[in-house]
mmCIF file of all heavy atoms, coordinates in Angstrom:
data_MODEL
# 
_entry.id   MODEL 
# 
loop_
_atom_site.group_PDB 
_atom_site.id 
_atom_site.type_symbol 
_atom_site.label_atom_id 
_atom_site.label_alt_id 
_atom_site.label_comp_id 
_atom_site.label_asym_id 
_atom_site.label_entity_id 
_atom_site.label_seq_id 
_atom_site.pdbx_PDB_ins_code 
_atom_site.Cartn_x 
_atom_site.Cartn_y 
_atom_site.Cartn_z 
_atom_site.occupancy 
_atom_site.B_iso_or_equiv 
_atom_site.pdbx_formal_charge 
_atom_site.auth_seq_id 
_atom_site.auth_comp_id 
_atom_site.auth_asym_id 
_atom_site.auth_atom_id 
_atom_site.pdbx_PDB_model_num 
ATOM 1   N N   . THR A 1 1  ? 60.853 242.446 65.697  1.00 0.00 ? 1  THR A N   1 
ATOM 2   C CA  . THR A 1 1  ? 60.397 241.372 66.578  1.00 0.00 ? 1  THR A CA  1 
ATOM 3   C C   . THR A 1 1  ? 59.166 241.804 67.372  1.00 0.00 ? 1  THR A C   1 
ATOM 4   O O   . THR A 1 1  ? 58.201 241.073 67.509  1.00 0.00 ? 1  THR A O   1 
ATOM 5   C CB  . THR A 1 1  ? 61.517 240.951 67.543  1.00 0.00 ? 1  THR A CB  1 
ATOM 6   O OG1 . THR A 1 1  ? 62.604 240.461 66.781  1.00 0.00 ? 1  THR A OG1 1 
ATOM 7   C CG2 . THR A 1 1  ? 61.040 239.861 68.498  1.00 0.00 ? 1  THR A CG2 1 
ATOM 8   N N   . ALA A 1 2  ? 59.211 243.040 67.911  1.00 0.00 ? 2  ALA A N   1 
ATOM 9   C CA  . ALA A 1 2  ? 58.078 243.557 68.689  1.00 0.00 ? 2  ALA A CA  1 
ATOM 10  C C   . ALA A 1 2  ? 56.837 243.680 67.823  1.00 0.00 ? 2  ALA A C   1 
ATOM 11  O O   . ALA A 1 2  ? 55.725 243.394 68.251  1.00 0.00 ? 2  ALA A O   1 
ATOM 12  C CB  . ALA A 1 2  ? 58.448 244.908 69.305  1.00 0.00 ? 2  ALA A CB  1 
ATOM 13  N N   . ALA A 1 3  ? 57.058 244.126 66.557  1.00 0.00 ? 3  ALA A N   1 
ATOM 14  C CA  . ALA A 1 3  ? 55.916 244.310 65.670  1.00 0.00 ? 3  ALA A CA  1 
ATOM 15  C C   . ALA A 1 3  ? 55.287 242.971 65.300  1.00 0.00 ? 3  ALA A C   1 
ATOM 16  O O   . ALA A 1 3  ? 54.092 242.867 65.079  1.00 0.00 ? 3  ALA A O   1 
ATOM 17  C CB  . ALA A 1 3  ? 56.369 245.048 64.413  1.00 0.00 ? 3  ALA A CB  1 
ATOM 18  N N   . MET A 1 4  ? 56.119 241.921 65.222  1.00 0.00 ? 4  MET A N   1 
ATOM 19  C CA  . MET A 1 4  ? 55.616 240.612 64.849  1.00 0.00 ? 4  MET A CA  1 
ATOM 20  C C   . MET A 1 4  ? 54.883 239.920 65.988  1.00 0.00 ? 4  MET A C   1 
ATOM 21  O O   . MET A 1 4  ? 54.073 239.045 65.769  1.00 0.00 ? 4  MET A O   1 
ATOM 22  C CB  . MET A 1 4  ? 56.779 239.721 64.391  1.00 0.00 ? 4  MET A CB  1 
ATOM 23  C CG  . MET A 1 4  ? 57.390 240.134 63.052  1.00 0.00 ? 4  MET A CG  1 
ATOM 24  S SD  . MET A 1 4  ? 58.916 239.236 62.701  1.00 0.00 ? 4  MET A SD  1 
ATOM 25  C CE  . MET A 1 4  ? 58.340 237.549 62.744  1.00 0.00 ? 4  MET A CE  1 
ATOM 26  N N   . ALA A 1 5  ? 55.204 240.293 67.230  1.00 0.00 ? 5  ALA A N   1 
ATOM 27  C CA  . ALA A 1 5  ? 54.591 239.636 68.386  1.00 0.00 ? 5  ALA A CA  1 
ATOM 28  C C   . ALA A 1 5  ? 53.103 239.915 68.427  1.00 0.00 ? 5  ALA A C   1 
ATOM 29  O O   . ALA A 1 5  ? 52.663 241.034 68.189  1.00 0.00 ? 5  ALA A O   1 
ATOM 30  C CB  . ALA A 1 5  ? 55.267 240.102 69.670  1.00 0.00 ? 5  ALA A CB  1 
ATOM 31  N N   . GLY A 1 6  ? 52.332 238.866 68.726  1.00 0.00 ? 6  GLY A N   1 
ATOM 32  C CA  . GLY A 1 6  ? 50.893 239.026 68.855  1.00 0.00 ? 6  GLY A CA  1 
ATOM 33  C C   . GLY A 1 6  ? 50.508 239.300 70.289  1.00 0.00 ? 6  GLY A C   1 
ATOM 34  O O   . GLY A 1 6  ? 51.357 239.360 71.184  1.00 0.00 ? 6  GLY A O   1 
ATOM 35  N N   . THR A 1 7  ? 49.211 239.439 70.527  1.00 0.00 ? 7  THR A N   1 
ATOM 36  C CA  . THR A 1 7  ? 48.716 239.769 71.864  1.00 0.00 ? 7  THR A CA  1 
ATOM 37  C C   . THR A 1 7  ? 47.904 238.610 72.422  1.00 0.00 ? 7  THR A C   1 
ATOM 38  O O   . THR A 1 7  ? 46.898 238.201 71.829  1.00 0.00 ? 7  THR A O   1 
ATOM 39  C CB  . THR A 1 7  ? 47.832 241.029 71.824  1.00 0.00 ? 7  THR A CB  1 
ATOM 40  O OG1 . THR A 1 7  ? 48.605 242.116 71.299  1.00 0.00 ? 7  THR A OG1 1 
ATOM 41  C CG2 . THR A 1 7  ? 47.338 241.385 73.220  1.00 0.00 ? 7  THR A CG2 1 
ATOM 42  N N   . LEU A 1 8  ? 48.347 238.088 73.558  1.00 0.00 ? 8  LEU A N   1 
ATOM 43  C CA  . LEU A 1 8  ? 47.541 237.107 74.279  1.00 0.00 ? 8  LEU A CA  1 
ATOM 44  C C   . LEU A 1 8  ? 46.327 237.810 74.867  1.00 0.00 ? 8  LEU A C   1 
ATOM 45  O O   . LEU A 1 8  ? 46.452 238.886 75.464  1.00 0.00 ? 8  LEU A O   1 
ATOM 46  C CB  . LEU A 1 8  ? 48.348 236.460 75.401  1.00 0.00 ? 8  LEU A CB  1 
ATOM 47  C CG  . LEU A 1 8  ? 49.510 235.537 75.012  1.00 0.00 ? 8  LEU A CG  1 
ATOM 48  C CD1 . LEU A 1 8  ? 50.257 235.100 76.259  1.00 0.00 ? 8  LEU A CD1 1 
ATOM 49  C CD2 . LEU A 1 8  ? 49.026 234.341 74.226  1.00 0.00 ? 8  LEU A CD2 1 
ATOM 50  N N   . THR A 1 9  ? 45.162 237.220 74.714  1.00 0.00 ? 9  THR A N   1 
ATOM 51  C CA  . THR A 1 9  ? 43.941 237.816 75.259  1.00 0.00 ? 9  THR A CA  1 
ATOM 52  C C   . THR A 1 9  ? 43.291 236.863 76.258  1.00 0.00 ? 9  THR A C   1 
ATOM 53  O O   . THR A 1 9  ? 43.675 235.697 76.364  1.00 0.00 ? 9  THR A O   1 
ATOM 54  C CB  . THR A 1 9  ? 42.946 238.140 74.133  1.00 0.00 ? 9  THR A CB  1 
ATOM 55  O OG1 . THR A 1 9  ? 42.697 236.948 73.365  1.00 0.00 ? 9  THR A OG1 1 
ATOM 56  C CG2 . THR A 1 9  ? 43.502 239.215 73.204  1.00 0.00 ? 9  THR A CG2 1 
ATOM 57  N N   . ASN A 1 10 ? 42.286 237.373 76.978  1.00 0.00 ? 10 ASN A N   1 
ATOM 58  C CA  . ASN A 1 10 ? 41.559 236.584 77.984  1.00 0.00 ? 10 ASN A CA  1 
ATOM 59  C C   . ASN A 1 10 ? 42.520 235.940 78.990  1.00 0.00 ? 10 ASN A C   1 
ATOM 60  O O   . ASN A 1 10 ? 42.332 234.791 79.393  1.00 0.00 ? 10 ASN A O   1 
ATOM 61  C CB  . ASN A 1 10 ? 40.712 235.496 77.315  1.00 0.00 ? 10 ASN A CB  1 
ATOM 62  C CG  . ASN A 1 10 ? 39.794 236.050 76.252  1.00 0.00 ? 10 ASN A CG  1 
ATOM 63  O OD1 . ASN A 1 10 ? 39.118 237.045 76.468  1.00 0.00 ? 10 ASN A OD1 1 
ATOM 64  N ND2 . ASN A 1 10 ? 39.758 235.421 75.088  1.00 0.00 ? 10 ASN A ND2 1 
ATOM 65  N N   . VAL A 1 11 ? 43.534 236.697 79.376  1.00 0.00 ? 11 VAL A N   1 
ATOM 66  C CA  . VAL A 1 11 ? 44.581 236.158 80.240  1.00 0.00 ? 11 VAL A CA  1 
ATOM 67  C C   . VAL A 1 11 ? 44.167 236.267 81.705  1.00 0.00 ? 11 VAL A C   1 
ATOM 68  O O   . VAL A 1 11 ? 43.710 237.325 82.160  1.00 0.00 ? 11 VAL A O   1 
ATOM 69  C CB  . VAL A 1 11 ? 45.912 236.904 80.027  1.00 0.00 ? 11 VAL A CB  1 
ATOM 70  C CG1 . VAL A 1 11 ? 47.030 236.254 80.837  1.00 0.00 ? 11 VAL A CG1 1 
ATOM 71  C CG2 . VAL A 1 11 ? 46.278 236.896 78.544  1.00 0.00 ? 11 VAL A CG2 1 
ATOM 72  N N   . SER A 1 12 ? 44.321 235.161 82.439  1.00 0.00 ? 12 SER A N   1 
ATOM 73  C CA  . SER A 1 12 ? 43.986 235.192 83.869  1.00 0.00 ? 12 SER A CA  1 
ATOM 74  C C   . SER A 1 12 ? 44.822 234.154 84.608  1.00 0.00 ? 12 SER A C   1 
ATOM 75  O O   . SER A 1 12 ? 45.262 233.164 84.037  1.00 0.00 ? 12 SER A O   1 
ATOM 76  C CB  . SER A 1 12 ? 42.495 234.917 84.105  1.00 0.00 ? 12 SER A CB  1 
ATOM 77  O OG  . SER A 1 12 ? 42.176 233.583 83.723  1.00 0.00 ? 12 SER A OG  1 
ATOM 78  N N   . VAL A 1 13 ? 45.030 234.426 85.896  1.00 0.00 ? 13 VAL A N   1 
ATOM 79  C CA  . VAL A 1 13 ? 45.674 233.477 86.804  1.00 0.00 ? 13 VAL A CA  1 
ATOM 80  C C   . VAL A 1 13 ? 44.756 233.333 88.004  1.00 0.00 ? 13 VAL A C   1 
ATOM 81  O O   . VAL A 1 13 ? 44.417 234.324 88.656  1.00 0.00 ? 13 VAL A O   1 
ATOM 82  C CB  . VAL A 1 13 ? 47.067 233.965 87.254  1.00 0.00 ? 13 VAL A CB  1 
ATOM 83  C CG1 . VAL A 1 13 ? 47.652 233.038 88.322  1.00 0.00 ? 13 VAL A CG1 1 
ATOM 84  C CG2 . VAL A 1 13 ? 48.014 234.043 86.062  1.00 0.00 ? 13 VAL A CG2 1 
ATOM 85  N N   . THR A 1 14 ? 44.332 232.092 88.295  1.00 0.00 ? 14 THR A N   1 
ATOM 86  C CA  . THR A 1 14 ? 43.391 231.829 89.384  1.00 0.00 ? 14 THR A CA  1 
ATOM 87  C C   . THR A 1 14 ? 44.019 230.880 90.388  1.00 0.00 ? 14 THR A C   1 
ATOM 88  O O   . THR A 1 14 ? 44.585 229.854 90.004  1.00 0.00 ? 14 THR A O   1 
ATOM 89  C CB  . THR A 1 14 ? 42.085 231.220 88.835  1.00 0.00 ? 14 THR A CB  1 
ATOM 90  O OG1 . THR A 1 14 ? 41.552 232.061 87.819  1.00 0.00 ? 14 THR A OG1 1 
ATOM 91  C CG2 . THR A 1 14 ? 41.054 231.061 89.949  1.00 0.00 ? 14 THR A CG2 1 
ATOM 92  N N   . LEU A 1 15 ? 43.897 231.215 91.672  1.00 0.00 ? 15 LEU A N   1 
ATOM 93  C CA  . LEU A 1 15 ? 44.404 230.366 92.745  1.00 0.00 ? 15 LEU A CA  1 
ATOM 94  C C   . LEU A 1 15 ? 43.236 229.665 93.421  1.00 0.00 ? 15 LEU A C   1 
ATOM 95  O O   . LEU A 1 15 ? 42.215 230.302 93.720  1.00 0.00 ? 15 LEU A O   1 
ATOM 96  C CB  . LEU A 1 15 ? 45.165 231.193 93.773  1.00 0.00 ? 15 LEU A CB  1 
ATOM 97  C CG  . LEU A 1 15 ? 46.248 232.156 93.243  1.00 0.00 ? 15 LEU A CG  1 
ATOM 98  C CD1 . LEU A 1 15 ? 46.920 232.880 94.403  1.00 0.00 ? 15 LEU A CD1 1 
ATOM 99  C CD2 . LEU A 1 15 ? 47.262 231.413 92.400  1.00 0.00 ? 15 LEU A CD2 1 
ATOM 100 N N   . SER A 1 16 ? 43.378 228.366 93.699  1.00 0.00 ? 16 SER A N   1 
ATOM 101 C CA  . SER A 1 16 ? 42.295 227.654 94.388  1.00 0.00 ? 16 SER A CA  1 
ATOM 102 C C   . SER A 1 16 ? 42.255 228.025 95.870  1.00 0.00 ? 16 SER A C   1 
ATOM 103 O O   . SER A 1 16 ? 41.218 227.912 96.512  1.00 0.00 ? 16 SER A O   1 
ATOM 104 C CB  . SER A 1 16 ? 42.468 226.143 94.238  1.00 0.00 ? 16 SER A CB  1 
ATOM 105 O OG  . SER A 1 16 ? 43.664 225.701 94.870  1.00 0.00 ? 16 SER A OG  1 
ATOM 106 N N   . ASP A 1 17 ? 43.389 228.457 96.425  1.00 0.00 ? 17 ASP A N   1 
ATOM 107 C CA  . ASP A 1 17 ? 43.453 228.910 97.817  1.00 0.00 ? 17 ASP A CA  1 
ATOM 108 C C   . ASP A 1 17 ? 44.360 230.133 97.864  1.00 0.00 ? 17 ASP A C   1 
ATOM 109 O O   . ASP A 1 17 ? 45.572 230.019 97.702  1.00 0.00 ? 17 ASP A O   1 
ATOM 110 C CB  . ASP A 1 17 ? 44.012 227.801 98.719  1.00 0.00 ? 17 ASP A CB  1 
ATOM 111 C CG  . ASP A 1 17 ? 43.837 228.122 100.206 1.00 0.00 ? 17 ASP A CG  1 
ATOM 112 O OD1 . ASP A 1 17 ? 43.666 229.314 100.556 1.00 0.00 ? 17 ASP A OD1 1 
ATOM 113 O OD2 . ASP A 1 17 ? 43.873 227.186 101.027 1.00 0.00 ? 17 ASP A OD2 1 
ATOM 114 N N   . SER A 1 18 ? 43.762 231.296 98.057  1.00 0.00 ? 18 SER A N   1 
ATOM 115 C CA  . SER A 1 18 ? 44.531 232.541 98.018  1.00 0.00 ? 18 SER A CA  1 
ATOM 116 C C   . SER A 1 18 ? 44.994 233.006 99.395  1.00 0.00 ? 18 SER A C   1 
ATOM 117 O O   . SER A 1 18 ? 45.506 234.105 99.539  1.00 0.00 ? 18 SER A O   1 
ATOM 118 C CB  . SER A 1 18 ? 43.697 233.649 97.355  1.00 0.00 ? 18 SER A CB  1 
ATOM 119 O OG  . SER A 1 18 ? 42.498 233.859 98.083  1.00 0.00 ? 18 SER A OG  1 
ATOM 120 N N   . ARG A 1 19 ? 44.822 232.166 100.419 1.00 0.00 ? 19 ARG A N   1 
ATOM 121 C CA  . ARG A 1 19 ? 45.318 232.525 101.745 1.00 0.00 ? 19 ARG A CA  1 
ATOM 122 C C   . ARG A 1 19 ? 46.846 232.448 101.765 1.00 0.00 ? 19 ARG A C   1 
ATOM 123 O O   . ARG A 1 19 ? 47.457 231.777 100.948 1.00 0.00 ? 19 ARG A O   1 
ATOM 124 C CB  . ARG A 1 19 ? 44.742 231.589 102.805 1.00 0.00 ? 19 ARG A CB  1 
ATOM 125 C CG  . ARG A 1 19 ? 43.221 231.689 102.967 1.00 0.00 ? 19 ARG A CG  1 
ATOM 126 C CD  . ARG A 1 19 ? 42.726 230.623 103.930 1.00 0.00 ? 19 ARG A CD  1 
ATOM 127 N NE  . ARG A 1 19 ? 42.981 229.280 103.415 1.00 0.00 ? 19 ARG A NE  1 
ATOM 128 C CZ  . ARG A 1 19 ? 42.843 228.171 104.136 1.00 0.00 ? 19 ARG A CZ  1 
ATOM 129 N NH1 . ARG A 1 19 ? 42.457 228.243 105.396 1.00 0.00 ? 19 ARG A NH1 1 
ATOM 130 N NH2 . ARG A 1 19 ? 43.077 226.993 103.585 1.00 0.00 ? 19 ARG A NH2 1 
ATOM 131 N N   . VAL A 1 20 ? 47.455 233.142 102.715 1.00 0.00 ? 20 VAL A N   1 
ATOM 132 C CA  . VAL A 1 20 ? 48.916 233.141 102.797 1.00 0.00 ? 20 VAL A CA  1 
ATOM 133 C C   . VAL A 1 20 ? 49.427 231.779 103.272 1.00 0.00 ? 20 VAL A C   1 
ATOM 134 O O   . VAL A 1 20 ? 48.755 231.068 104.017 1.00 0.00 ? 20 VAL A O   1 
ATOM 135 C CB  . VAL A 1 20 ? 49.427 234.248 103.754 1.00 0.00 ? 20 VAL A CB  1 
ATOM 136 C CG1 . VAL A 1 20 ? 49.057 235.623 103.224 1.00 0.00 ? 20 VAL A CG1 1 
ATOM 137 C CG2 . VAL A 1 20 ? 48.876 234.054 105.155 1.00 0.00 ? 20 VAL A CG2 1 
ATOM 138 N N   . SER A 1 21 ? 50.613 231.426 102.779 1.00 0.00 ? 21 SER A N   1 
ATOM 139 C CA  . SER A 1 21 ? 51.331 230.208 103.200 1.00 0.00 ? 21 SER A CA  1 
ATOM 140 C C   . SER A 1 21 ? 50.496 228.934 103.040 1.00 0.00 ? 21 SER A C   1 
ATOM 141 O O   . SER A 1 21 ? 50.516 228.064 103.906 1.00 0.00 ? 21 SER A O   1 
ATOM 142 C CB  . SER A 1 21 ? 51.794 230.354 104.663 1.00 0.00 ? 21 SER A CB  1 
ATOM 143 O OG  . SER A 1 21 ? 52.588 231.495 104.831 1.00 0.00 ? 21 SER A OG  1 
ATOM 144 N N   . GLN A 1 22 ? 49.791 228.822 101.933 1.00 0.00 ? 22 GLN A N   1 
ATOM 145 C CA  . GLN A 1 22 ? 48.937 227.653 101.689 1.00 0.00 ? 22 GLN A CA  1 
ATOM 146 C C   . GLN A 1 22 ? 49.281 226.989 100.353 1.00 0.00 ? 22 GLN A C   1 
ATOM 147 O O   . GLN A 1 22 ? 49.601 227.666 99.375  1.00 0.00 ? 22 GLN A O   1 
ATOM 148 C CB  . GLN A 1 22 ? 47.465 228.055 101.666 1.00 0.00 ? 22 GLN A CB  1 
ATOM 149 C CG  . GLN A 1 22 ? 46.936 228.625 102.963 1.00 0.00 ? 22 GLN A CG  1 
ATOM 150 C CD  . GLN A 1 22 ? 46.971 227.607 104.092 1.00 0.00 ? 22 GLN A CD  1 
ATOM 151 O OE1 . GLN A 1 22 ? 46.602 226.457 103.911 1.00 0.00 ? 22 GLN A OE1 1 
ATOM 152 N NE2 . GLN A 1 22 ? 47.425 228.036 105.253 1.00 0.00 ? 22 GLN A NE2 1 
ATOM 153 N N   . PRO A 1 23 ? 49.201 225.650 100.299 1.00 0.00 ? 23 PRO A N   1 
ATOM 154 C CA  . PRO A 1 23 ? 49.290 224.986 98.989  1.00 0.00 ? 23 PRO A CA  1 
ATOM 155 C C   . PRO A 1 23 ? 48.109 225.432 98.130  1.00 0.00 ? 23 PRO A C   1 
ATOM 156 O O   . PRO A 1 23 ? 46.995 225.591 98.630  1.00 0.00 ? 23 PRO A O   1 
ATOM 157 C CB  . PRO A 1 23 ? 49.201 223.497 99.335  1.00 0.00 ? 23 PRO A CB  1 
ATOM 158 C CG  . PRO A 1 23 ? 49.489 223.406 100.799 1.00 0.00 ? 23 PRO A CG  1 
ATOM 159 C CD  . PRO A 1 23 ? 49.026 224.693 101.401 1.00 0.00 ? 23 PRO A CD  1 
ATOM 160 N N   . THR A 1 24 ? 48.332 225.618 96.850  1.00 0.00 ? 24 THR A N   1 
ATOM 161 C CA  . THR A 1 24 ? 47.246 226.089 95.992  1.00 0.00 ? 24 THR A CA  1 
ATOM 162 C C   . THR A 1 24 ? 47.411 225.577 94.569  1.00 0.00 ? 24 THR A C   1 
ATOM 163 O O   . THR A 1 24 ? 48.530 225.493 94.051  1.00 0.00 ? 24 THR A O   1 
ATOM 164 C CB  . THR A 1 24 ? 47.181 227.630 95.965  1.00 0.00 ? 24 THR A CB  1 
ATOM 165 O OG1 . THR A 1 24 ? 46.087 228.046 95.136  1.00 0.00 ? 24 THR A OG1 1 
ATOM 166 C CG2 . THR A 1 24 ? 48.466 228.236 95.425  1.00 0.00 ? 24 THR A CG2 1 
# 
């Protein structure tokens, strides 16, 4: 199973507001 798994590339997570306790 591990050998068959491919690799996700160009992976990113972006927040529109990275301040604490904020909707984003």
